[in-house]
Amino acid sequence: MRILAVDTALSACSACVIDAGAREPLALRSEEMDRGHAEALVPMLADLERDVPGGFASLDRISVTVGPGSFTGLRVGLAAARAMGVGLGIPVVGVGTLAAFAAPAVASDGTLVVVSAIDARHGNVYVQAVSPGGRLLVSPRIAPLREAARAVGGSAVRIVGPAANLLGDAALDLGLQIFVDPPARAPDILWVARLGLAADPAHAPPDPLYLRDADAKPQGHARIARA
């Protein structure tokens, strides 16, 4: 099975194509950015396709990060993946951003609970915890830092993701035993692909996982009256 993976959820625009069982991708592109995903993704995909034998017509599946993450970024990746899936007649699966951060840590260390953390601002984090074997312990949620630290405490944990240091500091304040990975700005696109290969399309739809309302709110005052 050959899969295209797309990630625009956070501070990168990334895509890769990999065959099931292969260690290395057929093609990979990734560029760090906080905004501009909409302008960057389509040219990046066109460039990527040139390195794929048989082009995108050879794909069997597409995976895309569904969040949590930037509202705008998520919509860019999801729209592109869904459109390509329809055009190519292949399934599109959604991969949680927190799961994508956790996956390489779970694969490399089978002894620690792995906690993924993304800064949700205003003293909150998006958080998820999985057992050493990959079983979900704390489902994806948004919570204040200290509440998130208490939720994942009780045993030695490894914290990964962009807010690893933030959650790590809160956990240390509570006296918890932790190991903190260097914060990553975005998930490894290869793991978005590998999780997509393992996903069941019937249970992993490409639907956004926002976990909170958008910060931007429609104006409720000084509104120009409509005719």
Protein backbone atom coordinates (compact mmCIF):
# COMPACT_ATOMS: atom_id res chain seq x y z
CA MET A 1 0.00 0.00 0.00
CA ARG A 2 1.25 3.47 -0.90
CA ILE A 3 0.17 6.50 1.12
CA LEU A 4 0.46 10.26 0.88
CA ALA A 5 0.62 12.03 4.25
CA VAL A 6 -0.16 15.73 4.71
CA ASP A 7 0.33 17.92 7.78
CA THR A 8 -0.57 21.60 8.09
CA ALA A 9 -1.88 21.52 11.67
CA LEU A 10 0.84 23.51 13.42
CA SER A 11 4.11 25.25 12.58
CA ALA A 12 5.05 23.33 9.45
CA CYS A 13 3.74 22.43 6.03
CA SER A 14 4.76 18.85 5.29
CA ALA A 15 3.97 16.00 2.92
CA CYS A 16 5.49 12.64 2.11
CA VAL A 17 4.77 9.45 0.17
CA ILE A 18 5.79 6.08 1.58
CA ASP A 19 5.15 2.43 0.77
CA ALA A 20 3.92 0.15 3.56
CA GLY A 21 6.86 -1.63 5.20
CA ALA A 22 9.48 0.75 3.80
CA ARG A 23 11.83 2.53 6.20
CA GLU A 24 12.42 5.52 3.94
CA PRO A 25 9.87 7.63 2.04
CA LEU A 26 9.71 7.78 -1.74
CA ALA A 27 9.52 11.55 -1.43
CA LEU A 28 9.30 14.06 1.41
CA ARG A 29 8.94 17.83 1.68
CA SER A 30 8.69 19.89 4.86
CA GLU A 31 8.98 23.59 5.61
CA GLU A 32 8.58 25.27 8.98
CA MET A 33 6.01 28.09 8.98
CA ASP A 34 3.53 29.62 11.37
CA ARG A 35 1.26 30.88 8.58
CA GLY A 36 1.03 30.67 4.80
CA HIS A 37 0.10 26.98 4.62
CA ALA A 38 -2.58 27.66 2.03
CA GLU A 39 -0.09 29.24 -0.35
CA ALA A 40 2.61 26.63 0.30
CA LEU A 41 0.79 23.30 0.23
CA VAL A 42 -0.33 22.95 -3.40
CA PRO A 43 3.08 23.87 -4.92
CA MET A 44 4.72 21.56 -2.39
CA LEU A 45 2.47 18.66 -3.44
CA ALA A 46 3.16 19.33 -7.12
CA ASP A 47 6.90 19.26 -6.43
CA LEU A 48 6.58 16.12 -4.32
CA GLU A 49 4.69 14.23 -7.02
CA ARG A 50 7.60 14.58 -9.43
CA ASP A 51 9.68 12.31 -7.18
CA VAL A 52 7.01 9.58 -6.89
CA PRO A 53 7.17 6.78 -9.50
CA GLY A 54 3.77 6.69 -11.14
CA GLY A 55 2.82 10.01 -9.57
CA PHE A 56 -0.19 10.40 -7.30
CA ALA A 57 -2.15 8.01 -9.51
CA SER A 58 -0.17 5.24 -7.79
CA LEU A 59 -1.52 6.15 -4.32
CA ASP A 60 -3.78 3.80 -2.37
CA ARG A 61 -4.59 6.09 0.56
CA ILE A 62 -4.11 9.59 1.96
CA SER A 63 -3.62 10.52 5.62
CA VAL A 64 -3.94 14.01 7.07
CA THR A 65 -3.57 15.50 10.53
CA VAL A 66 -6.95 16.45 11.97
CA GLY A 67 -5.90 18.35 15.08
CA PRO A 68 -5.82 19.78 17.55
CA GLY A 69 -3.96 22.63 15.91
CA SER A 70 -4.42 25.90 14.07
CA PHE A 71 -7.99 26.38 12.83
CA THR A 72 -6.77 27.79 9.52
CA GLY A 73 -3.96 25.29 9.08
CA LEU A 74 -6.21 22.32 9.72
CA ARG A 75 -8.74 23.46 7.14
CA VAL A 76 -6.00 23.80 4.51
CA GLY A 77 -4.71 20.26 4.93
CA LEU A 78 -8.13 18.67 5.28
CA ALA A 79 -9.52 20.43 2.21
CA ALA A 80 -6.56 19.36 0.08
CA ALA A 81 -6.61 15.76 1.29
CA ARG A 82 -10.36 15.36 0.82
CA ALA A 83 -10.25 16.87 -2.66
CA MET A 84 -7.42 14.58 -3.70
CA GLY A 85 -9.21 11.57 -2.24
CA VAL A 86 -12.32 12.33 -4.28
CA GLY A 87 -10.32 12.99 -7.42
CA LEU A 88 -8.24 9.82 -7.10
CA GLY A 89 -11.07 7.65 -5.76
CA ILE A 90 -9.09 6.52 -2.69
CA PRO A 91 -9.80 6.65 1.07
CA VAL A 92 -8.64 9.53 3.24
CA VAL A 93 -7.94 8.89 6.94
CA GLY A 94 -7.48 11.35 9.77
CA VAL A 95 -4.55 11.17 12.18
CA GLY A 96 -4.64 13.00 15.50
CA THR A 97 -1.82 15.49 15.96
CA LEU A 98 -1.25 14.40 19.56
CA ALA A 99 -1.07 10.76 18.45
CA ALA A 100 1.48 11.66 15.77
CA PHE A 101 3.71 13.28 18.40
CA ALA A 102 3.42 10.25 20.67
CA ALA A 103 4.00 7.54 18.08
CA PRO A 104 7.80 7.73 17.71
CA ALA A 105 8.24 7.89 21.49
CA VAL A 106 6.02 4.84 22.01
CA ALA A 107 7.93 2.99 19.29
CA SER A 108 11.35 3.79 20.77
CA ASP A 109 10.61 3.22 24.49
CA GLY A 110 8.28 0.54 25.79
CA THR A 111 8.64 1.44 29.48
CA LEU A 112 7.07 4.89 29.96
CA VAL A 113 3.66 6.46 29.63
CA VAL A 114 3.91 8.97 26.76
CA VAL A 115 2.14 12.30 27.14
CA SER A 116 1.72 14.62 24.14
CA ALA A 117 1.20 18.33 24.81
CA ILE A 118 0.41 21.26 22.52
CA ASP A 119 0.11 24.84 23.76
CA ALA A 120 -3.55 25.89 23.68
CA ARG A 121 -2.68 29.36 25.08
CA HIS A 122 -4.17 31.18 28.05
CA GLY A 123 -2.55 28.70 30.45
CA ASN A 124 -4.09 25.65 28.76
CA VAL A 125 -2.69 22.70 26.84
CA TYR A 126 -4.07 20.10 24.50
CA VAL A 127 -3.02 16.81 26.06
CA GLN A 128 -3.21 13.07 25.50
CA ALA A 129 -1.56 10.13 27.27
CA VAL A 130 -0.88 6.61 26.05
CA SER A 131 0.52 3.54 27.79
CA PRO A 132 3.90 2.00 26.87
CA GLY A 133 1.99 -0.35 24.56
CA GLY A 134 0.09 2.47 22.90
CA ARG A 135 -3.25 2.06 24.73
CA LEU A 136 -5.09 5.36 25.22
CA LEU A 137 -5.02 6.43 28.88
CA VAL A 138 -6.10 10.07 28.62
CA SER A 139 -8.16 10.96 25.56
CA PRO A 140 -7.38 14.17 23.64
CA ARG A 141 -8.63 17.16 25.62
CA ILE A 142 -7.91 20.77 26.52
CA ALA A 143 -7.09 21.49 30.16
CA PRO A 144 -5.28 24.01 32.39
CA LEU A 145 -1.62 23.13 32.85
CA ARG A 146 -1.83 21.94 36.47
CA GLU A 147 -5.00 19.96 35.79
CA ALA A 148 -3.33 18.30 32.80
CA ALA A 149 -0.26 17.48 34.89
CA ARG A 150 -2.41 15.88 37.61
CA ALA A 151 -4.35 13.89 35.01
CA VAL A 152 -1.20 12.24 33.65
CA GLY A 153 0.65 11.91 36.96
CA GLY A 154 0.98 8.82 39.14
CA SER A 155 3.83 7.14 37.27
CA ALA A 156 6.94 8.08 35.34
CA VAL A 157 5.97 9.79 32.10
CA ARG A 158 7.70 11.01 28.97
CA ILE A 159 6.35 14.32 27.69
CA VAL A 160 6.58 15.19 23.99
CA GLY A 161 5.24 17.87 21.67
CA PRO A 162 5.46 21.65 21.33
CA ALA A 163 4.33 22.27 24.93
CA ALA A 164 6.56 19.60 26.49
CA ASN A 165 8.46 22.16 28.57
CA LEU A 166 5.27 23.93 29.69
CA LEU A 167 3.63 20.75 30.90
CA GLY A 168 6.93 19.48 32.25
CA ASP A 169 7.34 22.54 34.48
CA ALA A 170 3.80 22.11 35.81
CA ALA A 171 4.46 18.42 36.51
CA LEU A 172 7.70 19.21 38.34
CA ASP A 173 5.86 21.72 40.52
CA LEU A 174 3.59 18.85 41.58
CA GLY A 175 6.59 16.63 42.34
CA LEU A 176 5.92 14.18 39.52
CA GLN A 177 8.59 12.02 37.91
CA ILE A 178 8.97 13.11 34.29
CA PHE A 179 11.24 12.97 31.27
CA VAL A 180 10.85 15.83 28.79
CA ASP A 181 11.77 15.53 25.11
CA PRO A 182 13.03 18.63 23.25
CA PRO A 183 9.88 20.41 22.03
CA ALA A 184 9.00 19.76 18.38
CA ARG A 185 7.17 22.41 16.37
CA ALA A 186 5.23 19.89 14.29
CA PRO A 187 4.80 16.10 14.14
CA ASP A 188 7.14 13.95 12.07
CA ILE A 189 5.37 13.56 8.72
CA LEU A 190 6.67 9.99 8.39
CA TRP A 191 4.69 9.03 11.50
CA VAL A 192 1.59 10.72 10.11
CA ALA A 193 2.03 8.36 7.15
CA ARG A 194 2.69 5.27 9.29
CA LEU A 195 -0.31 5.91 11.51
CA GLY A 196 -2.38 6.48 8.38
CA LEU A 197 -1.31 3.12 7.00
CA ALA A 198 -2.40 1.42 10.23
CA ALA A 199 -5.72 3.28 10.52
CA ASP A 200 -9.10 1.80 9.67
CA PRO A 201 -10.81 4.22 7.25
CA ALA A 202 -14.18 3.34 8.81
CA HIS A 203 -13.02 4.63 12.20
CA ALA A 204 -10.58 7.40 11.30
CA PRO A 205 -12.52 9.97 9.24
CA PRO A 206 -10.75 13.14 8.04
CA ASP A 207 -12.82 15.37 10.33
CA PRO A 208 -11.29 18.26 12.28
CA LEU A 209 -10.59 17.78 16.01
CA TYR A 210 -10.65 21.34 17.36
CA LEU A 211 -11.36 20.68 21.09
CA ARG A 212 -12.27 24.35 21.61
CA ASP A 213 -14.00 27.25 19.89
CA ALA A 214 -12.06 29.61 17.66
CA ASP A 215 -10.41 32.63 19.33
CA ALA A 216 -11.83 34.94 16.69
CA LYS A 217 -15.43 35.83 17.40
CA PRO A 218 -17.90 37.66 15.17
CA GLN A 219 -18.46 41.26 16.25
CA GLY A 220 -21.63 41.79 18.25
CA HIS A 221 -21.56 45.58 18.30
CA ALA A 222 -20.92 48.49 15.95
CA ARG A 223 -22.46 46.31 13.27
CA ILE A 224 -23.65 47.93 10.06
CA ALA A 225 -27.36 47.32 9.68
CA ARG A 226 -28.33 45.15 6.74
CA ALA A 227 -31.00 46.36 4.32
